[in-house]
Amino acid sequence: MNQQTLAGKTALISGGARGIGRATALKLAQAGCDVVINYFNSSDVADALCQQLQQQYQVNAWAIQANVADPASVKSLFEAIGERHQRLDFLISNAASGVLKPALKMTLKHWRWCLETNALALNLLVQQAKPMMPRGSRVFALSSLGAGRAIPNYAFIGASKAALEALVRSLSLELAVDGINVNTISAGVIDTDALKHFPNREQLLDEFQSRSLSERALTADDVANVIYLLCQPEAEMIKGQTIFVDAGYSTLG
């Protein structure tokens, strides 16, 4: 049985009902952490996950609908959290969205959608979370390899992820005085529900695996494991970093 290393802690995971968010919720709950699952339009899935966490790990878990790109919605999210929790130890900004088209076919609406959901959301969440976060708290933002390399039809999403990584560095500087660590987790190609929207899904998976330094496929659990490790007190001195969880893919250029 795993030790309850995070017992008494509370985590908020945006986009927590599926993929990496779901895997992270399961990992943190296994360690005894109470979990708030934020979702946008996955009510049934989020509720089912909360029931699983409560029954399997005997932690408090509940789901709240909110659009993390909208300031009023984020404010309402934290008002709801504040009714049940006095503190928030871990904030995982995982929710993401975007438009898969060539850059030359994009519009201002597409640009705002990508930037607001994938980058601005982190700032909105931190603004509301900071008063609830004690010293030693952690903030994580989920990025992708497209922040630093060209991927077909990924232009605006990649740009928003690059902006997210820059924002993490600034937030790390600003929150250091409060003892709050902020880091980016950049994940490699994982076969999640989100990847099913890519027309070249199989090609992406094959190309990633061909350059991976691991014999097995990268999974959402691998990313969740790293987030869990960075929640430990021993990770206190890791601040403002972009940490790649990509089976060595990025080491090959």
C-alpha atoms as a PDB file:
ATOM      1  CA  MET A   1       0.000   0.000   0.000  1.00  0.00           C
ATOM      2  CA  ASN A   2       1.311   3.454  -0.925  1.00  0.00           C
ATOM      3  CA  GLN A   3       2.099   5.807   1.910  1.00  0.00           C
ATOM      4  CA  GLN A   4      -0.334   8.688   2.301  1.00  0.00           C
ATOM      5  CA  THR A   5       2.388  11.264   1.653  1.00  0.00           C
ATOM      6  CA  LEU A   6      -0.109  13.966   0.674  1.00  0.00           C
ATOM      7  CA  ALA A   7      -2.746  13.343   3.333  1.00  0.00           C
ATOM      8  CA  GLY A   8      -4.397  16.571   4.462  1.00  0.00           C
ATOM      9  CA  LYS A   9      -3.509  18.358   1.220  1.00  0.00           C
ATOM     10  CA  THR A  10      -5.942  19.627  -1.431  1.00  0.00           C
ATOM     11  CA  ALA A  11      -5.419  19.836  -5.191  1.00  0.00           C
ATOM     12  CA  LEU A  12      -7.346  21.571  -7.964  1.00  0.00           C
ATOM     13  CA  ILE A  13      -6.952  20.059 -11.426  1.00  0.00           C
ATOM     14  CA  SER A  14      -8.417  21.936 -14.387  1.00  0.00           C
ATOM     15  CA  GLY A  15      -9.490  19.648 -17.183  1.00  0.00           C
ATOM     16  CA  GLY A  16      -9.250  16.902 -14.589  1.00  0.00           C
ATOM     17  CA  ALA A  17     -11.830  14.474 -15.919  1.00  0.00           C
ATOM     18  CA  ARG A  18      -9.781  12.961 -18.745  1.00  0.00           C
ATOM     19  CA  GLY A  19      -6.253  12.200 -19.930  1.00  0.00           C
ATOM     20  CA  ILE A  20      -3.355  13.604 -17.944  1.00  0.00           C
ATOM     21  CA  GLY A  21      -5.730  15.415 -15.594  1.00  0.00           C
ATOM     22  CA  ARG A  22      -7.506  12.188 -14.710  1.00  0.00           C
ATOM     23  CA  ALA A  23      -4.235  10.299 -14.219  1.00  0.00           C
ATOM     24  CA  THR A  24      -2.989  13.079 -11.935  1.00  0.00           C
ATOM     25  CA  ALA A  25      -6.182  13.020  -9.890  1.00  0.00           C
ATOM     26  CA  LEU A  26      -5.829   9.278  -9.364  1.00  0.00           C
ATOM     27  CA  LYS A  27      -2.149   9.563  -8.409  1.00  0.00           C
ATOM     28  CA  LEU A  28      -2.639  12.384  -5.912  1.00  0.00           C
ATOM     29  CA  ALA A  29      -5.712  10.769  -4.381  1.00  0.00           C
ATOM     30  CA  GLN A  30      -3.783   7.534  -3.968  1.00  0.00           C
ATOM     31  CA  ALA A  31      -1.347   9.553  -1.860  1.00  0.00           C
ATOM     32  CA  GLY A  32      -4.192  10.805   0.335  1.00  0.00           C
ATOM     33  CA  CYS A  33      -4.793  14.185  -1.323  1.00  0.00           C
ATOM     34  CA  ASP A  34      -8.305  15.636  -1.565  1.00  0.00           C
ATOM     35  CA  VAL A  35      -9.088  16.563  -5.159  1.00  0.00           C
ATOM     36  CA  VAL A  36     -11.246  19.162  -6.884  1.00  0.00           C
ATOM     37  CA  ILE A  37     -11.926  18.233 -10.496  1.00  0.00           C
ATOM     38  CA  ASN A  38     -12.669  21.178 -12.764  1.00  0.00           C
ATOM     39  CA  TYR A  39     -14.382  20.329 -16.043  1.00  0.00           C
ATOM     40  CA  PHE A  40     -15.984  22.264 -18.877  1.00  0.00           C
ATOM     41  CA  ASN A  41     -18.408  19.830 -20.530  1.00  0.00           C
ATOM     42  CA  SER A  42     -17.596  16.395 -19.079  1.00  0.00           C
ATOM     43  CA  SER A  43     -20.035  16.360 -16.159  1.00  0.00           C
ATOM     44  CA  ASP A  44     -20.809  12.635 -16.119  1.00  0.00           C
ATOM     45  CA  VAL A  45     -17.164  11.649 -16.530  1.00  0.00           C
ATOM     46  CA  ALA A  46     -16.033  14.063 -13.807  1.00  0.00           C
ATOM     47  CA  ASP A  47     -18.691  12.882 -11.365  1.00  0.00           C
ATOM     48  CA  ALA A  48     -17.818   9.231 -12.009  1.00  0.00           C
ATOM     49  CA  LEU A  49     -14.140   9.956 -11.382  1.00  0.00           C
ATOM     50  CA  CYS A  50     -14.944  11.664  -8.083  1.00  0.00           C
ATOM     51  CA  GLN A  51     -16.974   8.665  -6.970  1.00  0.00           C
ATOM     52  CA  GLN A  52     -14.064   6.395  -7.855  1.00  0.00           C
ATOM     53  CA  LEU A  53     -11.594   8.520  -5.881  1.00  0.00           C
ATOM     54  CA  GLN A  54     -13.838   8.577  -2.836  1.00  0.00           C
ATOM     55  CA  GLN A  55     -14.522   4.850  -2.867  1.00  0.00           C
ATOM     56  CA  GLN A  56     -11.041   3.663  -3.826  1.00  0.00           C
ATOM     57  CA  TYR A  57      -8.890   6.026  -1.769  1.00  0.00           C
ATOM     58  CA  GLN A  58     -11.278   7.432   0.874  1.00  0.00           C
ATOM     59  CA  VAL A  59     -10.469  11.050   0.019  1.00  0.00           C
ATOM     60  CA  ASN A  60     -12.754  14.011  -0.549  1.00  0.00           C
ATOM     61  CA  ALA A  61     -13.333  14.572  -4.261  1.00  0.00           C
ATOM     62  CA  TRP A  62     -15.830  16.722  -6.064  1.00  0.00           C
ATOM     63  CA  ALA A  63     -16.359  18.205  -9.510  1.00  0.00           C
ATOM     64  CA  ILE A  64     -17.005  21.844 -10.427  1.00  0.00           C
ATOM     65  CA  GLN A  65     -17.908  23.144 -13.878  1.00  0.00           C
ATOM     66  CA  ALA A  66     -16.059  26.273 -14.992  1.00  0.00           C
ATOM     67  CA  ASN A  67     -14.535  27.885 -18.053  1.00  0.00           C
ATOM     68  CA  VAL A  68     -10.983  28.593 -16.925  1.00  0.00           C
ATOM     69  CA  ALA A  69     -10.480  31.114 -19.733  1.00  0.00           C
ATOM     70  CA  ASP A  70     -13.237  33.348 -18.332  1.00  0.00           C
ATOM     71  CA  PRO A  71     -12.433  35.570 -15.311  1.00  0.00           C
ATOM     72  CA  ALA A  72     -15.981  35.524 -13.911  1.00  0.00           C
ATOM     73  CA  SER A  73     -16.197  31.746 -14.217  1.00  0.00           C
ATOM     74  CA  VAL A  74     -12.849  31.277 -12.474  1.00  0.00           C
ATOM     75  CA  LYS A  75     -13.953  33.577  -9.669  1.00  0.00           C
ATOM     76  CA  SER A  76     -17.110  31.489  -9.214  1.00  0.00           C
ATOM     77  CA  LEU A  77     -14.987  28.327  -9.240  1.00  0.00           C
ATOM     78  CA  PHE A  78     -12.928  29.556  -6.304  1.00  0.00           C
ATOM     79  CA  GLU A  79     -15.950  30.816  -4.419  1.00  0.00           C
ATOM     80  CA  ALA A  80     -17.282  27.254  -4.597  1.00  0.00           C
ATOM     81  CA  ILE A  81     -13.935  25.798  -3.522  1.00  0.00           C
ATOM     82  CA  GLY A  82     -13.765  28.239  -0.607  1.00  0.00           C
ATOM     83  CA  GLU A  83     -17.055  26.919   0.755  1.00  0.00           C
ATOM     84  CA  ARG A  84     -15.409  23.535   1.417  1.00  0.00           C
ATOM     85  CA  HIS A  85     -11.668  24.162   1.679  1.00  0.00           C
ATOM     86  CA  GLN A  86      -9.662  26.743   3.589  1.00  0.00           C
ATOM     87  CA  ARG A  87      -6.448  26.020   1.685  1.00  0.00           C
ATOM     88  CA  LEU A  88      -5.211  24.833  -1.678  1.00  0.00           C
ATOM     89  CA  ASP A  89      -1.834  23.097  -1.810  1.00  0.00           C
ATOM     90  CA  PHE A  90      -1.588  22.078  -5.457  1.00  0.00           C
ATOM     91  CA  LEU A  91      -2.886  23.809  -8.568  1.00  0.00           C
ATOM     92  CA  ILE A  92      -2.568  21.861 -11.811  1.00  0.00           C
ATOM     93  CA  SER A  93      -3.485  23.962 -14.852  1.00  0.00           C
ATOM     94  CA  ASN A  94      -4.165  21.180 -17.317  1.00  0.00           C
ATOM     95  CA  ALA A  95      -7.243  22.236 -19.332  1.00  0.00           C
ATOM     96  CA  ALA A  96      -6.390  23.003 -22.948  1.00  0.00           C
ATOM     97  CA  SER A  97      -8.074  23.593 -26.259  1.00  0.00           C
ATOM     98  CA  GLY A  98      -7.263  24.891 -29.701  1.00  0.00           C
ATOM     99  CA  VAL A  99      -7.803  24.818 -33.428  1.00  0.00           C
ATOM    100  CA  LEU A 100      -5.961  22.400 -35.679  1.00  0.00           C
ATOM    101  CA  LYS A 101      -5.380  24.392 -38.864  1.00  0.00           C
ATOM    102  CA  PRO A 102      -2.448  25.939 -40.741  1.00  0.00           C
ATOM    103  CA  ALA A 103      -1.480  29.348 -39.377  1.00  0.00           C
ATOM    104  CA  LEU A 104      -2.373  31.068 -42.672  1.00  0.00           C
ATOM    105  CA  LYS A 105      -5.983  29.914 -42.287  1.00  0.00           C
ATOM    106  CA  MET A 106      -6.396  31.118 -38.710  1.00  0.00           C
ATOM    107  CA  THR A 107      -8.449  34.101 -37.528  1.00  0.00           C
ATOM    108  CA  LEU A 108      -8.350  36.503 -34.594  1.00  0.00           C
ATOM    109  CA  LYS A 109     -11.063  34.402 -32.922  1.00  0.00           C
ATOM    110  CA  HIS A 110      -8.839  31.318 -33.173  1.00  0.00           C
ATOM    111  CA  TRP A 111      -5.885  33.238 -31.725  1.00  0.00           C
ATOM    112  CA  ARG A 112      -7.863  34.458 -28.740  1.00  0.00           C
ATOM    113  CA  TRP A 113      -9.356  31.023 -28.136  1.00  0.00           C
ATOM    114  CA  CYS A 114      -5.946  29.355 -28.011  1.00  0.00           C
ATOM    115  CA  LEU A 115      -4.195  32.043 -25.972  1.00  0.00           C
ATOM    116  CA  GLU A 116      -6.995  32.529 -23.475  1.00  0.00           C
ATOM    117  CA  THR A 117      -7.600  28.830 -22.819  1.00  0.00           C
ATOM    118  CA  ASN A 118      -3.997  27.636 -22.863  1.00  0.00           C
ATOM    119  CA  ALA A 119      -2.103  30.574 -21.330  1.00  0.00           C
ATOM    120  CA  LEU A 120      -4.346  33.245 -19.800  1.00  0.00           C
ATOM    121  CA  ALA A 121      -6.184  30.561 -17.817  1.00  0.00           C
ATOM    122  CA  LEU A 122      -3.084  29.869 -15.741  1.00  0.00           C
ATOM    123  CA  ASN A 123      -2.865  33.504 -14.675  1.00  0.00           C
ATOM    124  CA  LEU A 124      -6.574  33.652 -13.834  1.00  0.00           C
ATOM    125  CA  LEU A 125      -6.299  30.493 -11.730  1.00  0.00           C
ATOM    126  CA  VAL A 126      -3.206  31.695  -9.879  1.00  0.00           C
ATOM    127  CA  GLN A 127      -4.743  35.093  -9.135  1.00  0.00           C
ATOM    128  CA  GLN A 128      -7.655  33.405  -7.385  1.00  0.00           C
ATOM    129  CA  ALA A 129      -5.668  30.566  -5.831  1.00  0.00           C
ATOM    130  CA  LYS A 130      -2.819  32.548  -4.288  1.00  0.00           C
ATOM    131  CA  PRO A 131      -4.699  33.738  -1.176  1.00  0.00           C
ATOM    132  CA  MET A 132      -5.506  30.082  -0.384  1.00  0.00           C
ATOM    133  CA  MET A 133      -2.020  28.685  -0.995  1.00  0.00           C
ATOM    134  CA  PRO A 134       0.311  28.290   2.011  1.00  0.00           C
ATOM    135  CA  ARG A 135       4.094  28.258   1.813  1.00  0.00           C
ATOM    136  CA  GLY A 136       5.284  25.060   0.182  1.00  0.00           C
ATOM    137  CA  SER A 137       2.416  24.979  -2.308  1.00  0.00           C
ATOM    138  CA  ARG A 138       2.947  23.994  -5.926  1.00  0.00           C
ATOM    139  CA  VAL A 139       1.596  25.240  -9.243  1.00  0.00           C
ATOM    140  CA  PHE A 140       1.956  23.167 -12.410  1.00  0.00           C
ATOM    141  CA  ALA A 141       1.154  24.138 -15.983  1.00  0.00           C
ATOM    142  CA  LEU A 142       0.866  21.465 -18.664  1.00  0.00           C
ATOM    143  CA  SER A 143       2.633  22.263 -21.912  1.00  0.00           C
ATOM    144  CA  SER A 144       3.602  20.254 -24.978  1.00  0.00           C
ATOM    145  CA  LEU A 145       6.493  19.726 -27.350  1.00  0.00           C
ATOM    146  CA  GLY A 146       4.793  22.063 -29.835  1.00  0.00           C
ATOM    147  CA  ALA A 147       5.890  25.008 -27.690  1.00  0.00           C
ATOM    148  CA  GLY A 148       9.421  24.641 -29.017  1.00  0.00           C
ATOM    149  CA  ARG A 149       9.125  22.932 -32.400  1.00  0.00           C
ATOM    150  CA  ALA A 150       6.940  23.110 -35.481  1.00  0.00           C
ATOM    151  CA  ILE A 151       4.122  20.565 -35.706  1.00  0.00           C
ATOM    152  CA  PRO A 152       1.731  20.573 -38.688  1.00  0.00           C
ATOM    153  CA  ASN A 153      -1.579  22.364 -37.965  1.00  0.00           C
ATOM    154  CA  TYR A 154      -0.413  23.175 -34.425  1.00  0.00           C
ATOM    155  CA  ALA A 155       0.736  26.768 -34.984  1.00  0.00           C
ATOM    156  CA  PHE A 156      -1.575  28.700 -32.672  1.00  0.00           C
ATOM    157  CA  ILE A 157      -1.675  25.984 -30.022  1.00  0.00           C
ATOM    158  CA  GLY A 158       2.128  25.828 -30.064  1.00  0.00           C
ATOM    159  CA  ALA A 159       2.344  29.610 -29.758  1.00  0.00           C
ATOM    160  CA  SER A 160      -0.029  29.545 -26.793  1.00  0.00           C
ATOM    161  CA  LYS A 161       2.025  26.832 -25.103  1.00  0.00           C
ATOM    162  CA  ALA A 162       5.211  28.862 -25.623  1.00  0.00           C
ATOM    163  CA  ALA A 163       3.435  31.823 -24.013  1.00  0.00           C
ATOM    164  CA  LEU A 164       2.396  29.544 -21.145  1.00  0.00           C
ATOM    165  CA  GLU A 165       5.994  28.511 -20.490  1.00  0.00           C
ATOM    166  CA  ALA A 166       7.118  32.160 -20.457  1.00  0.00           C
ATOM    167  CA  LEU A 167       4.299  33.008 -18.045  1.00  0.00           C
ATOM    168  CA  VAL A 168       5.384  30.191 -15.723  1.00  0.00           C
ATOM    169  CA  ARG A 169       8.849  31.711 -15.443  1.00  0.00           C
ATOM    170  CA  SER A 170       7.400  35.107 -14.504  1.00  0.00           C
ATOM    171  CA  LEU A 171       4.940  33.628 -12.021  1.00  0.00           C
ATOM    172  CA  SER A 172       7.739  31.613 -10.471  1.00  0.00           C
ATOM    173  CA  LEU A 173       9.634  34.837  -9.864  1.00  0.00           C
ATOM    174  CA  GLU A 174       6.607  36.629  -8.414  1.00  0.00           C
ATOM    175  CA  LEU A 175       5.461  33.784  -6.138  1.00  0.00           C
ATOM    176  CA  ALA A 176       8.891  32.762  -4.849  1.00  0.00           C
ATOM    177  CA  VAL A 177       8.655  35.258  -1.999  1.00  0.00           C
ATOM    178  CA  ASP A 178       5.515  33.437  -0.829  1.00  0.00           C
ATOM    179  CA  GLY A 179       7.216  30.046  -0.920  1.00  0.00           C
ATOM    180  CA  ILE A 180       5.104  28.829  -3.867  1.00  0.00           C
ATOM    181  CA  ASN A 181       6.831  26.863  -6.608  1.00  0.00           C
ATOM    182  CA  VAL A 182       5.653  27.195 -10.213  1.00  0.00           C
ATOM    183  CA  ASN A 183       6.821  24.815 -12.936  1.00  0.00           C
ATOM    184  CA  THR A 184       5.868  23.623 -16.402  1.00  0.00           C
ATOM    185  CA  ILE A 185       5.444  19.965 -17.269  1.00  0.00           C
ATOM    186  CA  SER A 186       5.953  19.459 -21.001  1.00  0.00           C
ATOM    187  CA  ALA A 187       4.548  16.112 -22.050  1.00  0.00           C
ATOM    188  CA  GLY A 188       5.405  14.112 -25.124  1.00  0.00           C
ATOM    189  CA  VAL A 189       2.870  12.509 -27.451  1.00  0.00           C
ATOM    190  CA  ILE A 190       0.356  10.454 -25.454  1.00  0.00           C
ATOM    191  CA  ASP A 191      -2.603   8.579 -26.885  1.00  0.00           C
ATOM    192  CA  THR A 192      -5.331  10.482 -25.015  1.00  0.00           C
ATOM    193  CA  ASP A 193      -8.849  11.488 -26.071  1.00  0.00           C
ATOM    194  CA  ALA A 194      -7.445  14.859 -27.171  1.00  0.00           C
ATOM    195  CA  LEU A 195      -5.078  13.207 -29.638  1.00  0.00           C
ATOM    196  CA  LYS A 196      -8.017  11.570 -31.402  1.00  0.00           C
ATOM    197  CA  HIS A 197      -8.869  15.011 -32.824  1.00  0.00           C
ATOM    198  CA  PHE A 198      -5.582  15.094 -34.743  1.00  0.00           C
ATOM    199  CA  PRO A 199      -6.011  13.896 -38.340  1.00  0.00           C
ATOM    200  CA  ASN A 200      -2.419  12.598 -38.279  1.00  0.00           C
ATOM    201  CA  ARG A 201      -2.752  10.856 -34.898  1.00  0.00           C
ATOM    202  CA  GLU A 202      -1.128   7.586 -35.953  1.00  0.00           C
ATOM    203  CA  GLN A 203       1.749   9.399 -37.636  1.00  0.00           C
ATOM    204  CA  LEU A 204       2.415  11.477 -34.514  1.00  0.00           C
ATOM    205  CA  LEU A 205       2.429   8.398 -32.290  1.00  0.00           C
ATOM    206  CA  ASP A 206       4.704   6.456 -34.651  1.00  0.00           C
ATOM    207  CA  GLU A 207       7.178   9.297 -35.132  1.00  0.00           C
ATOM    208  CA  PHE A 208       7.320   9.998 -31.404  1.00  0.00           C
ATOM    209  CA  GLN A 209       7.955   6.362 -30.560  1.00  0.00           C
ATOM    210  CA  SER A 210      10.637   6.079 -33.240  1.00  0.00           C
ATOM    211  CA  ARG A 211      12.648   8.827 -31.486  1.00  0.00           C
ATOM    212  CA  SER A 212      11.816   7.788 -27.950  1.00  0.00           C
ATOM    213  CA  LEU A 213      14.559   6.374 -25.741  1.00  0.00           C
ATOM    214  CA  SER A 214      12.058   3.989 -24.163  1.00  0.00           C
ATOM    215  CA  GLU A 215      10.803   0.701 -25.531  1.00  0.00           C
ATOM    216  CA  ARG A 216       7.244   1.350 -24.361  1.00  0.00           C
ATOM    217  CA  ALA A 217       4.762   4.104 -25.144  1.00  0.00           C
ATOM    218  CA  LEU A 218       4.573   7.210 -22.984  1.00  0.00           C
ATOM    219  CA  THR A 219       1.391   7.321 -20.874  1.00  0.00           C
ATOM    220  CA  ALA A 220      -0.589   9.860 -18.886  1.00  0.00           C
ATOM    221  CA  ASP A 221       0.452   7.969 -15.753  1.00  0.00           C
ATOM    222  CA  ASP A 222       4.092   8.799 -16.491  1.00  0.00           C
ATOM    223  CA  VAL A 223       3.271  12.509 -16.427  1.00  0.00           C
ATOM    224  CA  ALA A 224       1.165  12.140 -13.281  1.00  0.00           C
ATOM    225  CA  ASN A 225       4.058  10.382 -11.565  1.00  0.00           C
ATOM    226  CA  VAL A 226       6.346  13.371 -12.194  1.00  0.00           C
ATOM    227  CA  ILE A 227       3.751  15.820 -10.889  1.00  0.00           C
ATOM    228  CA  TYR A 228       3.435  13.670  -7.769  1.00  0.00           C
ATOM    229  CA  LEU A 229       7.202  13.706  -7.253  1.00  0.00           C
ATOM    230  CA  LEU A 230       7.324  17.494  -7.599  1.00  0.00           C
ATOM    231  CA  CYS A 231       4.628  17.805  -4.934  1.00  0.00           C
ATOM    232  CA  GLN A 232       7.011  16.333  -2.370  1.00  0.00           C
ATOM    233  CA  PRO A 233       9.008  18.567   0.020  1.00  0.00           C
ATOM    234  CA  GLU A 234      12.229  17.223  -1.503  1.00  0.00           C
ATOM    235  CA  ALA A 235      11.390  19.112  -4.740  1.00  0.00           C
ATOM    236  CA  GLU A 236      11.462  22.479  -2.959  1.00  0.00           C
ATOM    237  CA  MET A 237      14.351  23.860  -5.027  1.00  0.00           C
ATOM    238  CA  ILE A 238      12.831  23.147  -8.458  1.00  0.00           C
ATOM    239  CA  LYS A 239      11.383  26.497  -9.511  1.00  0.00           C
ATOM    240  CA  GLY A 240      10.425  28.090 -12.827  1.00  0.00           C
ATOM    241  CA  GLN A 241      11.503  25.102 -14.902  1.00  0.00           C
ATOM    242  CA  THR A 242      10.085  23.407 -17.975  1.00  0.00           C
ATOM    243  CA  ILE A 243      10.418  19.716 -17.192  1.00  0.00           C
ATOM    244  CA  PHE A 244      10.124  17.376 -20.160  1.00  0.00           C
ATOM    245  CA  VAL A 245       8.347  14.073 -19.656  1.00  0.00           C
ATOM    246  CA  ASP A 246       8.924  12.693 -23.122  1.00  0.00           C
ATOM    247  CA  ALA A 247      10.957   9.492 -22.813  1.00  0.00           C
ATOM    248  CA  GLY A 248      14.024  11.356 -24.028  1.00  0.00           C
ATOM    249  CA  TYR A 249      12.478  12.557 -27.295  1.00  0.00           C
ATOM    250  CA  SER A 250      13.646  16.159 -26.867  1.00  0.00           C
ATOM    251  CA  THR A 251      17.265  15.110 -26.293  1.00  0.00           C
ATOM    252  CA  LEU A 252      17.513  14.260 -29.986  1.00  0.00           C
ATOM    253  CA  GLY A 253      16.959  17.850 -31.115  1.00  0.00           C
END
